[in-house]
PDB file of N, CA and C in Angstrom:
ATOM      1  N   MET A   1       0.837  -1.176   0.000  1.00  0.00           N
ATOM      2  CA  MET A   1       0.000   0.000   0.000  1.00  0.00           C
ATOM      3  C   MET A   1       0.884   1.243   0.000  1.00  0.00           C
ATOM      4  N   ASN A   2       0.498   2.223  -0.770  1.00  0.00           N
ATOM      5  CA  ASN A   2       1.173   3.505  -0.778  1.00  0.00           C
ATOM      6  C   ASN A   2       0.183   4.594  -0.408  1.00  0.00           C
ATOM      7  N   VAL A   3       0.606   5.510   0.446  1.00  0.00           N
ATOM      8  CA  VAL A   3      -0.258   6.636   0.804  1.00  0.00           C
ATOM      9  C   VAL A   3      -0.132   7.715  -0.265  1.00  0.00           C
ATOM     10  N   THR A   4      -1.216   8.444  -0.441  1.00  0.00           N
ATOM     11  CA  THR A   4      -1.221   9.550  -1.391  1.00  0.00           C
ATOM     12  C   THR A   4      -0.846  10.836  -0.655  1.00  0.00           C
ATOM     13  N   ILE A   5      -0.619  11.880  -1.414  1.00  0.00           N
ATOM     14  CA  ILE A   5      -0.321  13.178  -0.803  1.00  0.00           C
ATOM     15  C   ILE A   5      -1.508  13.634   0.036  1.00  0.00           C
ATOM     16  N   HIS A   6      -2.713  13.402  -0.462  1.00  0.00           N
ATOM     17  CA  HIS A   6      -3.926  13.794   0.264  1.00  0.00           C
ATOM     18  C   HIS A   6      -4.024  13.060   1.610  1.00  0.00           C
ATOM     19  N   GLN A   7      -3.802  11.741   1.602  1.00  0.00           N
ATOM     20  CA  GLN A   7      -3.835  10.963   2.845  1.00  0.00           C
ATOM     21  C   GLN A   7      -2.735  11.413   3.801  1.00  0.00           C
ATOM     22  N   MET A   8      -1.555  11.681   3.252  1.00  0.00           N
ATOM     23  CA  MET A   8      -0.433  12.107   4.091  1.00  0.00           C
ATOM     24  C   MET A   8      -0.747  13.426   4.775  1.00  0.00           C
ATOM     25  N   GLU A   9      -1.304  14.359   4.045  1.00  0.00           N
ATOM     26  CA  GLU A   9      -1.627  15.652   4.637  1.00  0.00           C
ATOM     27  C   GLU A   9      -2.657  15.495   5.751  1.00  0.00           C
ATOM     28  N   LYS A  10      -3.642  14.627   5.571  1.00  0.00           N
ATOM     29  CA  LYS A  10      -4.623  14.368   6.619  1.00  0.00           C
ATOM     30  C   LYS A  10      -3.946  13.772   7.856  1.00  0.00           C
ATOM     31  N   MET A  11      -3.044  12.818   7.634  1.00  0.00           N
ATOM     32  CA  MET A  11      -2.352  12.193   8.764  1.00  0.00           C
ATOM     33  C   MET A  11      -1.478  13.197   9.503  1.00  0.00           C
ATOM     34  N   LEU A  12      -0.832  14.098   8.776  1.00  0.00           N
ATOM     35  CA  LEU A  12       0.057  15.070   9.405  1.00  0.00           C
ATOM     36  C   LEU A  12      -0.702  16.160  10.148  1.00  0.00           C
ATOM     37  N   ARG A  13      -1.893  16.456   9.719  1.00  0.00           N
ATOM     38  CA  ARG A  13      -2.676  17.523  10.357  1.00  0.00           C
ATOM     39  C   ARG A  13      -3.659  16.993  11.388  1.00  0.00           C
ATOM     40  N   GLY A  14      -3.965  15.705  11.340  1.00  0.00           N
ATOM     41  CA  GLY A  14      -4.971  15.132  12.223  1.00  0.00           C
ATOM     42  C   GLY A  14      -4.367  14.484  13.465  1.00  0.00           C
ATOM     43  N   GLN A  15      -5.250  13.985  14.290  1.00  0.00           N
ATOM     44  CA  GLN A  15      -4.860  13.289  15.524  1.00  0.00           C
ATOM     45  C   GLN A  15      -5.285  11.828  15.414  1.00  0.00           C
ATOM     46  N   TYR A  16      -4.515  11.051  14.715  1.00  0.00           N
ATOM     47  CA  TYR A  16      -4.829   9.643  14.508  1.00  0.00           C
ATOM     48  C   TYR A  16      -3.971   8.782  15.422  1.00  0.00           C
ATOM     49  N   VAL A  17      -4.542   7.672  15.859  1.00  0.00           N
ATOM     50  CA  VAL A  17      -3.828   6.728  16.717  1.00  0.00           C
ATOM     51  C   VAL A  17      -3.503   5.491  15.882  1.00  0.00           C
ATOM     52  N   PHE A  18      -2.230   5.154  15.832  1.00  0.00           N
ATOM     53  CA  PHE A  18      -1.781   3.998  15.060  1.00  0.00           C
ATOM     54  C   PHE A  18      -1.411   2.860  16.002  1.00  0.00           C
ATOM     55  N   LYS A  19      -1.618   1.641  15.535  1.00  0.00           N
ATOM     56  CA  LYS A  19      -1.366   0.447  16.364  1.00  0.00           C
ATOM     57  C   LYS A  19       0.127   0.169  16.536  1.00  0.00           C
ATOM     58  N   GLN A  20       0.895   0.318  15.474  1.00  0.00           N
ATOM     59  CA  GLN A  20       2.318   0.000  15.517  1.00  0.00           C
ATOM     60  C   GLN A  20       3.103   1.164  16.118  1.00  0.00           C
ATOM     61  N   PHE A  21       3.828   0.880  17.180  1.00  0.00           N
ATOM     62  CA  PHE A  21       4.581   1.910  17.891  1.00  0.00           C
ATOM     63  C   PHE A  21       5.603   2.599  16.990  1.00  0.00           C
ATOM     64  N   ALA A  22       6.329   1.827  16.203  1.00  0.00           N
ATOM     65  CA  ALA A  22       7.360   2.415  15.341  1.00  0.00           C
ATOM     66  C   ALA A  22       6.735   3.363  14.318  1.00  0.00           C
ATOM     67  N   PHE A  23       5.568   3.011  13.797  1.00  0.00           N
ATOM     68  CA  PHE A  23       4.894   3.884  12.846  1.00  0.00           C
ATOM     69  C   PHE A  23       4.402   5.151  13.545  1.00  0.00           C
ATOM     70  N   SER A  24       3.936   5.024  14.761  1.00  0.00           N
ATOM     71  CA  SER A  24       3.522   6.201  15.541  1.00  0.00           C
ATOM     72  C   SER A  24       4.697   7.136  15.781  1.00  0.00           C
ATOM     73  N   MET A  25       5.844   6.579  16.053  1.00  0.00           N
ATOM     74  CA  MET A  25       7.043   7.402  16.252  1.00  0.00           C
ATOM     75  C   MET A  25       7.418   8.122  14.952  1.00  0.00           C
ATOM     76  N   LEU A  26       7.354   7.417  13.844  1.00  0.00           N
ATOM     77  CA  LEU A  26       7.639   8.029  12.550  1.00  0.00           C
ATOM     78  C   LEU A  26       6.678   9.185  12.293  1.00  0.00           C
ATOM     79  N   MET A  27       5.395   8.970  12.529  1.00  0.00           N
ATOM     80  CA  MET A  27       4.403  10.004  12.275  1.00  0.00           C
ATOM     81  C   MET A  27       4.602  11.201  13.204  1.00  0.00           C
ATOM     82  N   THR A  28       4.997  10.977  14.433  1.00  0.00           N
ATOM     83  CA  THR A  28       5.267  12.081  15.359  1.00  0.00           C
ATOM     84  C   THR A  28       6.402  12.950  14.821  1.00  0.00           C
ATOM     85  N   ARG A  29       7.448  12.325  14.344  1.00  0.00           N
ATOM     86  CA  ARG A  29       8.587  13.078  13.799  1.00  0.00           C
ATOM     87  C   ARG A  29       8.196  13.821  12.526  1.00  0.00           C
ATOM     88  N   LEU A  30       7.456  13.145  11.648  1.00  0.00           N
ATOM     89  CA  LEU A  30       7.050  13.786  10.404  1.00  0.00           C
ATOM     90  C   LEU A  30       6.090  14.948  10.656  1.00  0.00           C
ATOM     91  N   LYS A  31       5.200  14.796  11.628  1.00  0.00           N
ATOM     92  CA  LYS A  31       4.288  15.893  11.985  1.00  0.00           C
ATOM     93  C   LYS A  31       5.069  17.114  12.441  1.00  0.00           C
ATOM     94  N   ARG A  32       6.055  16.892  13.259  1.00  0.00           N
ATOM     95  CA  ARG A  32       6.883  17.996  13.761  1.00  0.00           C
ATOM     96  C   ARG A  32       7.643  18.667  12.609  1.00  0.00           C
ATOM     97  N   ASP A  33       8.219  17.850  11.731  1.00  0.00           N
ATOM     98  CA  ASP A  33       8.948  18.389  10.582  1.00  0.00           C
ATOM     99  C   ASP A  33       8.028  19.182   9.664  1.00  0.00           C
ATOM    100  N   TYR A  34       6.844  18.641   9.415  1.00  0.00           N
ATOM    101  CA  TYR A  34       5.910  19.309   8.513  1.00  0.00           C
ATOM    102  C   TYR A  34       5.352  20.595   9.147  1.00  0.00           C
ATOM    103  N   ALA A  35       5.146  20.590  10.447  1.00  0.00           N
ATOM    104  CA  ALA A  35       4.671  21.799  11.133  1.00  0.00           C
ATOM    105  C   ALA A  35       5.711  22.913  11.037  1.00  0.00           C
ATOM    106  N   ASP A  36       6.983  22.553  11.086  1.00  0.00           N
ATOM    107  CA  ASP A  36       8.063  23.538  10.964  1.00  0.00           C
ATOM    108  C   ASP A  36       8.185  24.085   9.539  1.00  0.00           C
ATOM    109  N   THR A  37       7.981  23.202   8.539  1.00  0.00           N
ATOM    110  CA  THR A  37       8.127  23.596   7.135  1.00  0.00           C
ATOM    111  C   THR A  37       6.990  22.990   6.313  1.00  0.00           C
ATOM    112  N   PRO A  38       5.821  23.638   6.288  1.00  0.00           N
ATOM    113  CA  PRO A  38       4.661  23.074   5.581  1.00  0.00           C
ATOM    114  C   PRO A  38       4.660  23.371   4.078  1.00  0.00           C
ATOM    115  N   THR A  39       5.665  22.851   3.378  1.00  0.00           N
ATOM    116  CA  THR A  39       5.773  23.065   1.937  1.00  0.00           C
ATOM    117  C   THR A  39       5.404  21.798   1.179  1.00  0.00           C
ATOM    118  N   ARG A  40       5.148  21.952  -0.094  1.00  0.00           N
ATOM    119  CA  ARG A  40       4.811  20.811  -0.953  1.00  0.00           C
ATOM    120  C   ARG A  40       5.995  19.840  -1.039  1.00  0.00           C
ATOM    121  N   VAL A  41       7.193  20.378  -1.119  1.00  0.00           N
ATOM    122  CA  VAL A  41       8.397  19.539  -1.198  1.00  0.00           C
ATOM    123  C   VAL A  41       8.535  18.698   0.072  1.00  0.00           C
ATOM    124  N   ASN A  42       8.316  19.304   1.215  1.00  0.00           N
ATOM    125  CA  ASN A  42       8.409  18.576   2.478  1.00  0.00           C
ATOM    126  C   ASN A  42       7.294  17.532   2.579  1.00  0.00           C
ATOM    127  N   LEU A  43       6.103  17.870   2.110  1.00  0.00           N
ATOM    128  CA  LEU A  43       4.995  16.915   2.109  1.00  0.00           C
ATOM    129  C   LEU A  43       5.333  15.706   1.234  1.00  0.00           C
ATOM    130  N   GLU A  44       5.909  15.945   0.076  1.00  0.00           N
ATOM    131  CA  GLU A  44       6.315  14.846  -0.812  1.00  0.00           C
ATOM    132  C   GLU A  44       7.403  13.991  -0.170  1.00  0.00           C
ATOM    133  N   ARG A  45       8.318  14.616   0.574  1.00  0.00           N
ATOM    134  CA  ARG A  45       9.349  13.864   1.286  1.00  0.00           C
ATOM    135  C   ARG A  45       8.710  12.970   2.349  1.00  0.00           C
ATOM    136  N   CYS A  46       7.707  13.506   3.051  1.00  0.00           N
ATOM    137  CA  CYS A  46       6.991  12.727   4.067  1.00  0.00           C
ATOM    138  C   CYS A  46       6.281  11.529   3.432  1.00  0.00           C
ATOM    139  N   VAL A  47       5.665  11.750   2.270  1.00  0.00           N
ATOM    140  CA  VAL A  47       4.992  10.656   1.554  1.00  0.00           C
ATOM    141  C   VAL A  47       6.006   9.570   1.200  1.00  0.00           C
ATOM    142  N   HIS A  48       7.135   9.976   0.660  1.00  0.00           N
ATOM    143  CA  HIS A  48       8.163   9.006   0.270  1.00  0.00           C
ATOM    144  C   HIS A  48       8.664   8.217   1.482  1.00  0.00           C
ATOM    145  N   GLU A  49       8.961   8.910   2.575  1.00  0.00           N
ATOM    146  CA  GLU A  49       9.474   8.238   3.772  1.00  0.00           C
ATOM    147  C   GLU A  49       8.426   7.295   4.370  1.00  0.00           C
ATOM    148  N   THR A  50       7.172   7.733   4.377  1.00  0.00           N
ATOM    149  CA  THR A  50       6.092   6.890   4.905  1.00  0.00           C
ATOM    150  C   THR A  50       5.897   5.662   4.037  1.00  0.00           C
ATOM    151  N   ASN A  51       5.881   5.826   2.731  1.00  0.00           N
ATOM    152  CA  ASN A  51       5.700   4.682   1.836  1.00  0.00           C
ATOM    153  C   ASN A  51       6.857   3.697   1.932  1.00  0.00           C
ATOM    154  N   THR A  52       8.054   4.202   2.104  1.00  0.00           N
ATOM    155  CA  THR A  52       9.212   3.327   2.296  1.00  0.00           C
ATOM    156  C   THR A  52       9.027   2.487   3.557  1.00  0.00           C
ATOM    157  N   PHE A  53       8.612   3.127   4.641  1.00  0.00           N
ATOM    158  CA  PHE A  53       8.382   2.416   5.905  1.00  0.00           C
ATOM    159  C   PHE A  53       7.263   1.379   5.733  1.00  0.00           C
ATOM    160  N   LEU A  54       6.137   1.798   5.156  1.00  0.00           N
ATOM    161  CA  LEU A  54       4.998   0.890   5.012  1.00  0.00           C
ATOM    162  C   LEU A  54       5.328  -0.315   4.151  1.00  0.00           C
ATOM    163  N   ASN A  55       6.089  -0.110   3.094  1.00  0.00           N
ATOM    164  CA  ASN A  55       6.464  -1.243   2.239  1.00  0.00           C
ATOM    165  C   ASN A  55       7.438  -2.182   2.940  1.00  0.00           C
ATOM    166  N   LYS A  56       8.307  -1.634   3.741  1.00  0.00           N
ATOM    167  CA  LYS A  56       9.277  -2.467   4.457  1.00  0.00           C
ATOM    168  C   LYS A  56       8.605  -3.317   5.535  1.00  0.00           C
ATOM    169  N   TYR A  57       7.612  -2.736   6.225  1.00  0.00           N
ATOM    170  CA  TYR A  57       6.968  -3.421   7.352  1.00  0.00           C
ATOM    171  C   TYR A  57       5.513  -3.789   7.059  1.00  0.00           C
ATOM    172  N   ARG A  58       5.174  -4.013   5.799  1.00  0.00           N
ATOM    173  CA  ARG A  58       3.793  -4.268   5.407  1.00  0.00           C
ATOM    174  C   ARG A  58       3.187  -5.490   6.096  1.00  0.00           C
ATOM    175  N   ILE A  59       3.989  -6.439   6.465  1.00  0.00           N
ATOM    176  CA  ILE A  59       3.487  -7.667   7.084  1.00  0.00           C
ATOM    177  C   ILE A  59       2.814  -7.388   8.433  1.00  0.00           C
ATOM    178  N   ILE A  60       3.324  -6.417   9.176  1.00  0.00           N
ATOM    179  CA  ILE A  60       2.766  -6.136  10.505  1.00  0.00           C
ATOM    180  C   ILE A  60       1.874  -4.892  10.535  1.00  0.00           C
ATOM    181  N   MET A  61       1.603  -4.304   9.384  1.00  0.00           N
ATOM    182  CA  MET A  61       0.889  -3.030   9.336  1.00  0.00           C
ATOM    183  C   MET A  61      -0.593  -3.140   8.966  1.00  0.00           C
ATOM    184  N   HIS A  62      -1.185  -4.328   9.010  1.00  0.00           N
ATOM    185  CA  HIS A  62      -2.557  -4.530   8.537  1.00  0.00           C
ATOM    186  C   HIS A  62      -3.578  -3.634   9.229  1.00  0.00           C
ATOM    187  N   ALA A  63      -3.513  -3.522  10.531  1.00  0.00           N
ATOM    188  CA  ALA A  63      -4.495  -2.695  11.259  1.00  0.00           C
ATOM    189  C   ALA A  63      -4.376  -1.225  10.861  1.00  0.00           C
ATOM    190  N   ASP A  64      -3.156  -0.748  10.726  1.00  0.00           N
ATOM    191  CA  ASP A  64      -2.963   0.647  10.343  1.00  0.00           C
ATOM    192  C   ASP A  64      -3.315   0.881   8.874  1.00  0.00           C
ATOM    193  N   PHE A  65      -3.089  -0.106   8.008  1.00  0.00           N
ATOM    194  CA  PHE A  65      -3.492   0.017   6.612  1.00  0.00           C
ATOM    195  C   PHE A  65      -5.000   0.239   6.512  1.00  0.00           C
ATOM    196  N   ALA A  66      -5.741  -0.506   7.302  1.00  0.00           N
ATOM    197  CA  ALA A  66      -7.211  -0.389   7.265  1.00  0.00           C
ATOM    198  C   ALA A  66      -7.647   1.027   7.650  1.00  0.00           C
ATOM    199  N   MET A  67      -6.998   1.619   8.628  1.00  0.00           N
ATOM    200  CA  MET A  67      -7.342   2.973   9.046  1.00  0.00           C
ATOM    201  C   MET A  67      -6.920   3.994   7.986  1.00  0.00           C
ATOM    202  N   ILE A  68      -5.748   3.832   7.412  1.00  0.00           N
ATOM    203  CA  ILE A  68      -5.247   4.788   6.411  1.00  0.00           C
ATOM    204  C   ILE A  68      -6.140   4.775   5.181  1.00  0.00           C
ATOM    205  N   LYS A  69      -6.653   3.613   4.791  1.00  0.00           N
ATOM    206  CA  LYS A  69      -7.507   3.521   3.608  1.00  0.00           C
ATOM    207  C   LYS A  69      -8.782   4.338   3.756  1.00  0.00           C
ATOM    208  N   THR A  70      -9.210   4.593   4.989  1.00  0.00           N
ATOM    209  CA  THR A  70     -10.437   5.370   5.203  1.00  0.00           C
ATOM    210  C   THR A  70     -10.214   6.863   5.030  1.00  0.00           C
ATOM    211  N   LEU A  71      -8.964   7.315   4.962  1.00  0.00           N
ATOM    212  CA  LEU A  71      -8.684   8.741   4.845  1.00  0.00           C
ATOM    213  C   LEU A  71      -8.960   9.264   3.450  1.00  0.00           C
TER     214      LEU A  71
END
């Protein structure tokens, strides 16, 4: 699964709870980075980093995938 720019922006601006601790930590860091520099380039970097993480750990990310698909 790959997140879109639209889904990423919702995740960065919203208050979502994720099941996987490592993914929650990633999102906390990305939220902070995006809040400091809310540019399109930074948003695209967040999408790339998130998709890299999700593809690497897709086996354990099923619960979070289901939530992300609703965005």
